C-alpha atoms as a PDB file:
ATOM      1  CA  MET A   1     -33.320-120.393 105.293  1.00  0.00           C
ATOM      2  CA  GLN A   2     -37.156-120.076 105.595  1.00  0.00           C
ATOM      3  CA  HIS A   3     -37.655-117.254 107.568  1.00  0.00           C
ATOM      4  CA  GLN A   4     -35.304-115.347 104.668  1.00  0.00           C
ATOM      5  CA  VAL A   5     -38.030-116.686 102.285  1.00  0.00           C
ATOM      6  CA  LYS A   6     -41.207-115.523 104.147  1.00  0.00           C
ATOM      7  CA  LYS A   7     -39.329-112.200 104.848  1.00  0.00           C
ATOM      8  CA  HIS A   8     -38.565-111.222 101.181  1.00  0.00           C
ATOM      9  CA  LYS A   9     -41.629-112.933  99.527  1.00  0.00           C
ATOM     10  CA  THR A  10     -43.737-110.114 101.979  1.00  0.00           C
ATOM     11  CA  LEU A  11     -41.549-107.427 101.066  1.00  0.00           C
ATOM     12  CA  ALA A  12     -41.806-108.101  97.455  1.00  0.00           C
ATOM     13  CA  ARG A  13     -45.735-108.634  97.477  1.00  0.00           C
ATOM     14  CA  LEU A  14     -45.722-105.470  99.456  1.00  0.00           C
ATOM     15  CA  THR A  15     -43.951-103.618  97.152  1.00  0.00           C
ATOM     16  CA  ALA A  16     -46.097-105.117  94.577  1.00  0.00           C
ATOM     17  CA  LEU A  17     -49.503-103.924  95.553  1.00  0.00           C
ATOM     18  CA  LEU A  18     -47.446-100.499  96.273  1.00  0.00           C
ATOM     19  CA  GLY A  19     -47.111-100.382  92.580  1.00  0.00           C
ATOM     20  CA  MET A  20     -50.657-101.656  92.334  1.00  0.00           C
ATOM     21  CA  VAL A  21     -52.283 -99.008  94.062  1.00  0.00           C
ATOM     22  CA  PRO A  22     -51.147 -96.063  91.352  1.00  0.00           C
ATOM     23  CA  GLY A  23     -52.991 -98.135  88.254  1.00  0.00           C
ATOM     24  CA  ILE A  24     -56.006 -97.579  90.406  1.00  0.00           C
ATOM     25  CA  TRP A  25     -55.774 -94.273  91.219  1.00  0.00           C
ATOM     26  CA  PHE A  26     -55.245 -93.823  87.586  1.00  0.00           C
ATOM     27  CA  LEU A  27     -58.213 -95.689  86.537  1.00  0.00           C
ATOM     28  CA  VAL A  28     -60.290 -93.877  89.065  1.00  0.00           C
ATOM     29  CA  ALA A  29     -59.153 -90.325  88.512  1.00  0.00           C
ATOM     30  CA  THR A  30     -59.686 -90.816  84.557  1.00  0.00           C
ATOM     31  CA  LYS A  31     -62.655 -92.764  84.556  1.00  0.00           C
ATOM     32  CA  THR A  32     -64.562 -90.665  87.139  1.00  0.00           C
ATOM     33  CA  ASN A  33     -65.358 -87.249  87.790  1.00  0.00           C
ATOM     34  CA  VAL A  34     -62.638 -87.573  90.306  1.00  0.00           C
ATOM     35  CA  GLY A  35     -59.485 -86.177  88.464  1.00  0.00           C
ATOM     36  CA  SER A  36     -61.202 -83.271  86.964  1.00  0.00           C
ATOM     37  CA  GLU A  37     -62.854 -81.757  90.481  1.00  0.00           C
ATOM     38  CA  LEU A  38     -59.133 -82.547  91.673  1.00  0.00           C
ATOM     39  CA  GLU A  39     -57.944 -80.442  88.644  1.00  0.00           C
ATOM     40  CA  ILE A  40     -55.454 -82.861  87.507  1.00  0.00           C
ATOM     41  CA  ARG A  41     -53.572 -81.071  84.744  1.00  0.00           C
ATOM     42  CA  CYS A  42     -50.694 -82.317  82.181  1.00  0.00           C
ATOM     43  CA  GLY A  43     -47.306 -83.221  84.289  1.00  0.00           C
ATOM     44  CA  TYR A  44     -48.908 -84.972  86.863  1.00  0.00           C
ATOM     45  CA  TRP A  45     -49.183 -88.509  85.488  1.00  0.00           C
ATOM     46  CA  ILE A  46     -45.411 -87.973  84.482  1.00  0.00           C
ATOM     47  CA  VAL A  47     -44.842 -87.646  87.998  1.00  0.00           C
ATOM     48  CA  ALA A  48     -46.372 -90.347  88.809  1.00  0.00           C
ATOM     49  CA  LEU A  49     -44.647 -92.364  86.019  1.00  0.00           C
ATOM     50  CA  VAL A  50     -41.461 -91.213  87.624  1.00  0.00           C
ATOM     51  CA  LEU A  51     -42.583 -92.659  91.024  1.00  0.00           C
ATOM     52  CA  LEU A  52     -43.880 -95.873  89.641  1.00  0.00           C
ATOM     53  CA  THR A  53     -40.860 -96.591  87.814  1.00  0.00           C
ATOM     54  CA  ILE A  54     -38.815 -96.297  91.215  1.00  0.00           C
ATOM     55  CA  VAL A  55     -41.238 -98.831  92.928  1.00  0.00           C
ATOM     56  CA  TRP A  56     -40.811-101.059  89.735  1.00  0.00           C
ATOM     57  CA  VAL A  57     -36.949-100.937  89.997  1.00  0.00           C
ATOM     58  CA  ILE A  58     -37.494-102.044  93.932  1.00  0.00           C
ATOM     59  CA  TYR A  59     -39.988-104.946  93.247  1.00  0.00           C
ATOM     60  CA  ALA A  60     -37.229-106.042  90.668  1.00  0.00           C
ATOM     61  CA  ILE A  61     -34.624-106.040  93.469  1.00  0.00           C
ATOM     62  CA  PHE A  62     -36.691-107.280  96.165  1.00  0.00           C
ATOM     63  CA  THR A  63     -37.659-110.214  93.347  1.00  0.00           C
ATOM     64  CA  LYS A  64     -34.252-111.048  92.390  1.00  0.00           C
ATOM     65  CA  ILE A  65     -33.592-111.977  96.309  1.00  0.00           C
ATOM     66  CA  LEU A  66     -36.513-113.573  96.896  1.00  0.00           C
ATOM     67  CA  MET A  67     -35.642-115.853  93.648  1.00  0.00           C
ATOM     68  CA  ARG A  68     -32.220-116.302  95.162  1.00  0.00           C
ATOM     69  CA  ASP A  69     -33.377-117.432  98.594  1.00  0.00           C
ATOM     70  CA  ILE A  70     -35.321-120.064  97.376  1.00  0.00           C
ATOM     71  CA  THR A  71     -32.709-121.444  95.135  1.00  0.00           C
ATOM     72  CA  VAL A  72     -30.770-121.523  97.773  1.00  0.00           C
ATOM     73  CA  ALA A  73     -33.074-122.930 100.105  1.00  0.00           C
ATOM     74  CA  HIS A  74     -34.082-125.640  97.527  1.00  0.00           C
ATOM     75  CA  GLU A  75     -30.311-126.573  96.765  1.00  0.00           C
ATOM     76  CA  MET A  76     -30.153-127.141 100.925  1.00  0.00           C
ATOM     77  CA  ALA A  77     -33.533-129.108 101.163  1.00  0.00           C
ATOM     78  CA  ASN A  78     -33.293-132.269 103.481  1.00  0.00           C
ATOM     79  CA  SER A  79     -36.030-134.035 101.840  1.00  0.00           C
ATOM     80  CA  LEU A  80     -37.513-134.527  98.159  1.00  0.00           C
ATOM     81  CA  VAL A  81     -40.834-133.040  99.794  1.00  0.00           C
ATOM     82  CA  GLU A  82     -39.238-130.054 100.756  1.00  0.00           C
ATOM     83  CA  ALA A  83     -37.191-129.545  97.467  1.00  0.00           C
ATOM     84  CA  ARG A  84     -40.218-130.011  95.777  1.00  0.00           C
ATOM     85  CA  HIS A  85     -42.093-127.183  98.122  1.00  0.00           C
ATOM     86  CA  TYR A  86     -39.402-124.621  97.022  1.00  0.00           C
ATOM     87  CA  LYS A  87     -39.539-125.655  93.362  1.00  0.00           C
ATOM     88  CA  LEU A  88     -43.276-124.865  93.406  1.00  0.00           C
ATOM     89  CA  LEU A  89     -42.633-121.959  95.209  1.00  0.00           C
ATOM     90  CA  PHE A  90     -40.256-121.109  92.805  1.00  0.00           C
ATOM     91  CA  ALA A  91     -42.742-121.317  90.020  1.00  0.00           C
ATOM     92  CA  SER A  92     -45.342-119.753  91.535  1.00  0.00           C
ATOM     93  CA  THR A  93     -42.974-116.537  92.591  1.00  0.00           C
ATOM     94  CA  PHE A  94     -41.939-116.242  88.727  1.00  0.00           C
ATOM     95  CA  ILE A  95     -46.171-116.251  87.745  1.00  0.00           C
ATOM     96  CA  GLU A  96     -46.784-113.812  90.449  1.00  0.00           C
ATOM     97  CA  THR A  97     -44.018-111.708  89.398  1.00  0.00           C
ATOM     98  CA  VAL A  98     -45.034-111.970  85.503  1.00  0.00           C
ATOM     99  CA  ILE A  99     -48.556-110.885  86.479  1.00  0.00           C
ATOM    100  CA  ALA A 100     -47.706-108.042  88.882  1.00  0.00           C
ATOM    101  CA  CYS A 101     -45.029-107.061  86.483  1.00  0.00           C
ATOM    102  CA  ALA A 102     -47.502-107.001  83.736  1.00  0.00           C
ATOM    103  CA  ILE A 103     -50.226-104.925  85.904  1.00  0.00           C
ATOM    104  CA  ILE A 104     -47.607-102.358  86.733  1.00  0.00           C
ATOM    105  CA  ALA A 105     -46.310-101.891  83.047  1.00  0.00           C
ATOM    106  CA  LEU A 106     -49.830-101.361  81.501  1.00  0.00           C
ATOM    107  CA  SER A 107     -50.106 -98.629  85.096  1.00  0.00           C
ATOM    108  CA  LEU A 108     -46.969 -96.981  82.932  1.00  0.00           C
ATOM    109  CA  LEU A 109     -48.280 -97.037  79.768  1.00  0.00           C
ATOM    110  CA  GLY A 110     -51.121 -95.585  81.006  1.00  0.00           C
ATOM    111  CA  PHE A 111     -49.749 -92.865  82.512  1.00  0.00           C
ATOM    112  CA  LEU A 112     -47.524 -92.000  79.633  1.00  0.00           C
ATOM    113  CA  VAL A 113     -50.102 -92.079  77.246  1.00  0.00           C
ATOM    114  CA  THR A 114     -52.616 -89.954  79.042  1.00  0.00           C
ATOM    115  CA  ASP A 115     -49.916 -87.388  80.012  1.00  0.00           C
ATOM    116  CA  LEU A 116     -49.053 -87.298  76.196  1.00  0.00           C
ATOM    117  CA  GLN A 117     -52.726 -86.870  75.290  1.00  0.00           C
ATOM    118  CA  CYS A 118     -52.947 -84.001  77.524  1.00  0.00           C
ATOM    119  CA  TYR A 119     -49.918 -82.343  75.791  1.00  0.00           C
ATOM    120  CA  LEU A 120     -51.097 -83.075  72.704  1.00  0.00           C
ATOM    121  CA  GLU A 121     -54.424 -81.538  73.455  1.00  0.00           C
ATOM    122  CA  LYS A 122     -52.979 -78.452  74.840  1.00  0.00           C
ATOM    123  CA  SER A 123     -50.509 -77.705  71.767  1.00  0.00           C
ATOM    124  CA  LEU A 124     -54.153 -78.056  69.582  1.00  0.00           C
ATOM    125  CA  LEU A 125     -55.871 -75.313  71.463  1.00  0.00           C
ATOM    126  CA  PHE A 126     -53.267 -72.977  71.091  1.00  0.00           C
ATOM    127  CA  GLN A 127     -53.324 -72.885  67.557  1.00  0.00           C
END
């Protein structure tokens, strides 16, 4: 059981890191000259939003599987110490998930607002 918990925790963490990479790219592209040098135009961030949403759903699935594995391991614990270990692991995984989801949600919101702002500026220029 411990092996499954470790495997699913690793998968969930890698997916969370994969979900944070677009947010870092977003900050670099919008706060520096990199975005203008690469000629990032309207519509780019909507594509990133869709891809990040897919990553977020995958992360949610991995986290659900991980939490189920931790619960099963907690119920099958042979000692009080092992049961406490899994209870703490459950709590720390929950906190980690909340923080990762907040970062991913902020990235999604940033993508949406930036692309909407781009389209609004573009429509105001043509009037």
